[in-house]
Amino acid sequence: MGTRRERRLRRRAVLAGLAGALLLAAPGEAQVYPDQLEVRKLTCRELLEHSGETRARMLIYYNGYLDGRTGARVWNDKVVGARIDRAMGYCKASPTLPVLDAFTKAWKS
């Protein structure tokens, strides 16, 4: 076990390690986005700045928006997935492109 002093030093080292791990795990400065975005003005760069659930929700929204505009009556997972992948490809290639244009292009190809 060691001396009392050694145990104290070991405890401090463990606590310092835990504190360091928590600091590394804590998110950096969070970017704040508005609750509302204009569908026609959002750029691919802005879409790509989002990640995880927020980006997924945006992709679902744009998919539904285009399906509504085209009068789609059937949802096909493979077709929708391929369209979203194409739209994301257009976005990554042209970050200044409006997201709606990337999705429109993906629906036509």
C-alpha atoms as a PDB file:
ATOM      1  CA  MET A   1       0.000   0.000   0.000  1.00  0.00           C
ATOM      2  CA  GLY A   2       2.832   2.420   0.776  1.00  0.00           C
ATOM      3  CA  THR A   3       3.073   5.224   3.211  1.00  0.00           C
ATOM      4  CA  ARG A   4       0.351   7.693   3.898  1.00  0.00           C
ATOM      5  CA  ARG A   5       2.153  10.283   1.771  1.00  0.00           C
ATOM      6  CA  GLU A   6       2.438   7.848  -1.179  1.00  0.00           C
ATOM      7  CA  ARG A   7      -1.271   7.036  -0.999  1.00  0.00           C
ATOM      8  CA  ARG A   8      -2.100  10.758  -1.002  1.00  0.00           C
ATOM      9  CA  LEU A   9       0.135  11.355  -4.028  1.00  0.00           C
ATOM     10  CA  ARG A  10      -1.386   8.372  -5.833  1.00  0.00           C
ATOM     11  CA  ARG A  11      -4.900   9.673  -5.077  1.00  0.00           C
ATOM     12  CA  ARG A  12      -3.976  13.129  -6.381  1.00  0.00           C
ATOM     13  CA  ALA A  13      -2.507  11.606  -9.533  1.00  0.00           C
ATOM     14  CA  VAL A  14      -5.700   9.617 -10.145  1.00  0.00           C
ATOM     15  CA  LEU A  15      -7.864  12.692  -9.548  1.00  0.00           C
ATOM     16  CA  ALA A  16      -5.671  14.789 -11.863  1.00  0.00           C
ATOM     17  CA  GLY A  17      -5.933  12.092 -14.526  1.00  0.00           C
ATOM     18  CA  LEU A  18      -9.718  12.002 -14.215  1.00  0.00           C
ATOM     19  CA  ALA A  19      -9.916  15.792 -14.400  1.00  0.00           C
ATOM     20  CA  GLY A  20      -7.744  15.766 -17.516  1.00  0.00           C
ATOM     21  CA  ALA A  21      -9.882  13.095 -19.129  1.00  0.00           C
ATOM     22  CA  LEU A  22     -13.018  15.111 -18.423  1.00  0.00           C
ATOM     23  CA  LEU A  23     -11.480  18.206 -19.976  1.00  0.00           C
ATOM     24  CA  LEU A  24     -10.573  16.274 -23.117  1.00  0.00           C
ATOM     25  CA  ALA A  25     -14.051  14.778 -23.323  1.00  0.00           C
ATOM     26  CA  ALA A  26     -15.815  18.124 -22.838  1.00  0.00           C
ATOM     27  CA  PRO A  27     -16.996  19.691 -26.067  1.00  0.00           C
ATOM     28  CA  GLY A  28     -15.142  22.711 -27.359  1.00  0.00           C
ATOM     29  CA  GLU A  29     -16.774  26.017 -27.901  1.00  0.00           C
ATOM     30  CA  ALA A  30     -20.230  25.144 -29.192  1.00  0.00           C
ATOM     31  CA  GLN A  31     -21.419  26.788 -32.370  1.00  0.00           C
ATOM     32  CA  VAL A  32     -24.904  28.238 -32.061  1.00  0.00           C
ATOM     33  CA  TYR A  33     -27.319  27.981 -34.967  1.00  0.00           C
ATOM     34  CA  PRO A  34     -30.690  29.598 -35.351  1.00  0.00           C
ATOM     35  CA  ASP A  35     -33.830  27.544 -34.792  1.00  0.00           C
ATOM     36  CA  GLN A  36     -34.986  28.420 -38.293  1.00  0.00           C
ATOM     37  CA  LEU A  37     -33.101  28.344 -41.569  1.00  0.00           C
ATOM     38  CA  GLU A  38     -34.288  29.552 -44.948  1.00  0.00           C
ATOM     39  CA  VAL A  39     -34.621  26.488 -47.145  1.00  0.00           C
ATOM     40  CA  ARG A  40     -33.538  28.215 -50.339  1.00  0.00           C
ATOM     41  CA  LYS A  41     -30.577  30.071 -48.799  1.00  0.00           C
ATOM     42  CA  LEU A  42     -28.801  27.382 -46.765  1.00  0.00           C
ATOM     43  CA  THR A  43     -25.443  26.568 -48.364  1.00  0.00           C
ATOM     44  CA  CYS A  44     -23.731  23.227 -48.477  1.00  0.00           C
ATOM     45  CA  ARG A  45     -20.962  24.648 -46.291  1.00  0.00           C
ATOM     46  CA  GLU A  46     -23.527  25.470 -43.602  1.00  0.00           C
ATOM     47  CA  LEU A  47     -25.046  21.998 -43.866  1.00  0.00           C
ATOM     48  CA  LEU A  48     -21.621  20.374 -43.619  1.00  0.00           C
ATOM     49  CA  GLU A  49     -20.835  22.395 -40.478  1.00  0.00           C
ATOM     50  CA  HIS A  50     -23.574  20.435 -38.725  1.00  0.00           C
ATOM     51  CA  SER A  51     -23.026  16.870 -37.677  1.00  0.00           C
ATOM     52  CA  GLY A  52     -24.851  13.969 -36.162  1.00  0.00           C
ATOM     53  CA  GLU A  53     -28.514  14.287 -35.415  1.00  0.00           C
ATOM     54  CA  THR A  54     -28.829  17.889 -36.595  1.00  0.00           C
ATOM     55  CA  ARG A  55     -27.433  17.094 -40.039  1.00  0.00           C
ATOM     56  CA  ALA A  56     -29.576  13.947 -40.265  1.00  0.00           C
ATOM     57  CA  ARG A  57     -32.699  15.982 -39.525  1.00  0.00           C
ATOM     58  CA  MET A  58     -31.758  18.515 -42.178  1.00  0.00           C
ATOM     59  CA  LEU A  59     -31.193  15.764 -44.744  1.00  0.00           C
ATOM     60  CA  ILE A  60     -34.556  14.196 -43.890  1.00  0.00           C
ATOM     61  CA  TYR A  61     -36.218  17.600 -44.248  1.00  0.00           C
ATOM     62  CA  TYR A  62     -34.684  18.267 -47.673  1.00  0.00           C
ATOM     63  CA  ASN A  63     -35.591  14.759 -48.816  1.00  0.00           C
ATOM     64  CA  GLY A  64     -39.212  15.343 -47.800  1.00  0.00           C
ATOM     65  CA  TYR A  65     -39.207  18.806 -49.336  1.00  0.00           C
ATOM     66  CA  LEU A  66     -38.075  17.451 -52.715  1.00  0.00           C
ATOM     67  CA  ASP A  67     -40.421  14.459 -52.502  1.00  0.00           C
ATOM     68  CA  GLY A  68     -43.287  16.883 -51.849  1.00  0.00           C
ATOM     69  CA  ARG A  69     -42.293  19.120 -54.748  1.00  0.00           C
ATOM     70  CA  THR A  70     -42.109  16.168 -57.118  1.00  0.00           C
ATOM     71  CA  GLY A  71     -45.325  14.573 -55.842  1.00  0.00           C
ATOM     72  CA  ALA A  72     -43.640  11.363 -54.692  1.00  0.00           C
ATOM     73  CA  ARG A  73     -46.127   8.832 -53.348  1.00  0.00           C
ATOM     74  CA  VAL A  74     -43.731   6.000 -52.438  1.00  0.00           C
ATOM     75  CA  TRP A  75     -40.728   5.964 -50.116  1.00  0.00           C
ATOM     76  CA  ASN A  76     -37.933   3.640 -51.195  1.00  0.00           C
ATOM     77  CA  ASP A  77     -35.000   3.372 -48.793  1.00  0.00           C
ATOM     78  CA  LYS A  78     -32.426   2.532 -51.477  1.00  0.00           C
ATOM     79  CA  VAL A  79     -33.548   5.300 -53.836  1.00  0.00           C
ATOM     80  CA  VAL A  80     -33.706   7.916 -51.066  1.00  0.00           C
ATOM     81  CA  GLY A  81     -30.324   6.844 -49.675  1.00  0.00           C
ATOM     82  CA  ALA A  82     -28.694   7.096 -53.105  1.00  0.00           C
ATOM     83  CA  ARG A  83     -30.215  10.542 -53.681  1.00  0.00           C
ATOM     84  CA  ILE A  84     -29.013  11.847 -50.324  1.00  0.00           C
ATOM     85  CA  ASP A  85     -25.540  10.407 -50.985  1.00  0.00           C
ATOM     86  CA  ARG A  86     -25.441  12.169 -54.377  1.00  0.00           C
ATOM     87  CA  ALA A  87     -26.612  15.440 -52.814  1.00  0.00           C
ATOM     88  CA  MET A  88     -23.915  15.180 -50.138  1.00  0.00           C
ATOM     89  CA  GLY A  89     -21.351  14.503 -52.865  1.00  0.00           C
ATOM     90  CA  TYR A  90     -22.418  17.671 -54.683  1.00  0.00           C
ATOM     91  CA  CYS A  91     -22.225  19.590 -51.395  1.00  0.00           C
ATOM     92  CA  LYS A  92     -18.727  18.370 -50.600  1.00  0.00           C
ATOM     93  CA  ALA A  93     -17.571  19.250 -54.124  1.00  0.00           C
ATOM     94  CA  SER A  94     -19.203  22.721 -54.077  1.00  0.00           C
ATOM     95  CA  PRO A  95     -19.579  24.113 -50.544  1.00  0.00           C
ATOM     96  CA  THR A  96     -21.050  27.418 -51.784  1.00  0.00           C
ATOM     97  CA  LEU A  97     -23.861  25.617 -53.608  1.00  0.00           C
ATOM     98  CA  PRO A  98     -27.296  26.063 -52.022  1.00  0.00           C
ATOM     99  CA  VAL A  99     -28.386  22.767 -50.442  1.00  0.00           C
ATOM    100  CA  LEU A 100     -31.674  22.896 -52.327  1.00  0.00           C
ATOM    101  CA  ASP A 101     -29.764  23.021 -55.628  1.00  0.00           C
ATOM    102  CA  ALA A 102     -27.655  20.011 -54.594  1.00  0.00           C
ATOM    103  CA  PHE A 103     -30.796  18.047 -53.732  1.00  0.00           C
ATOM    104  CA  THR A 104     -32.591  19.127 -56.904  1.00  0.00           C
ATOM    105  CA  LYS A 105     -29.594  18.013 -58.972  1.00  0.00           C
ATOM    106  CA  ALA A 106     -29.472  14.705 -57.088  1.00  0.00           C
ATOM    107  CA  TRP A 107     -33.181  14.057 -57.750  1.00  0.00           C
ATOM    108  CA  LYS A 108     -32.688  14.627 -61.490  1.00  0.00           C
ATOM    109  CA  SER A 109     -29.687  12.317 -61.867  1.00  0.00           C
END
